[in-house]
């Protein structure tokens, strides 16, 4: 049963799972067995980071850490200002780092993170994004691992939220316009 605010399912749990497996395979092929640090961006990429780590081979050397950034606050539109709320707990100097993001829209958050992390001298820095929304891209950022092309709609589920709701949905869904408008009225 879907929450009333959900208009439609865009990607099922099975489609997401297959995509995570494909991305893990691409990472393995590209990193050639080098130890990697998955640097998940909280809160949205929590589920994706965990599932991606589990999809990597058991004999792979994988560290996991997290950053917390904000550009949305409690609204449905990016403010355009990216703020680092919690830094990684581990030093990344000399490590092969993969930024793990749930979704890329305007690209400002990823551009900010790539600049910040490059200054810390990792051995390599790559980005892995599960949902790509290229329609309003304001920053040209390299993305080595891309998952699914997301429609230009407000989406929730699989870690993505609206006012801290819907993260726990196992699929990606379009939120009804009325649900967004109800808060404005």
Foldseek 3Di string as FASTA:
>chain_A
DDPPQFDWFDWFLVLLLVLLLVLLVVCCVVVVQAAEEEEEEPDQCPLSSVSNVVSHDPPRRYHYWYWYKDQAPQAQDGVLDIDTPGDTPDQQAQHHYEYEEAEDAQCSNVVVVVVVNVVSHHPHYAYAYAEYADPNHNDDDDHPHYHYHDYPARKAECRRDRSPPRPPHSTITGGHPCVNVVVVD
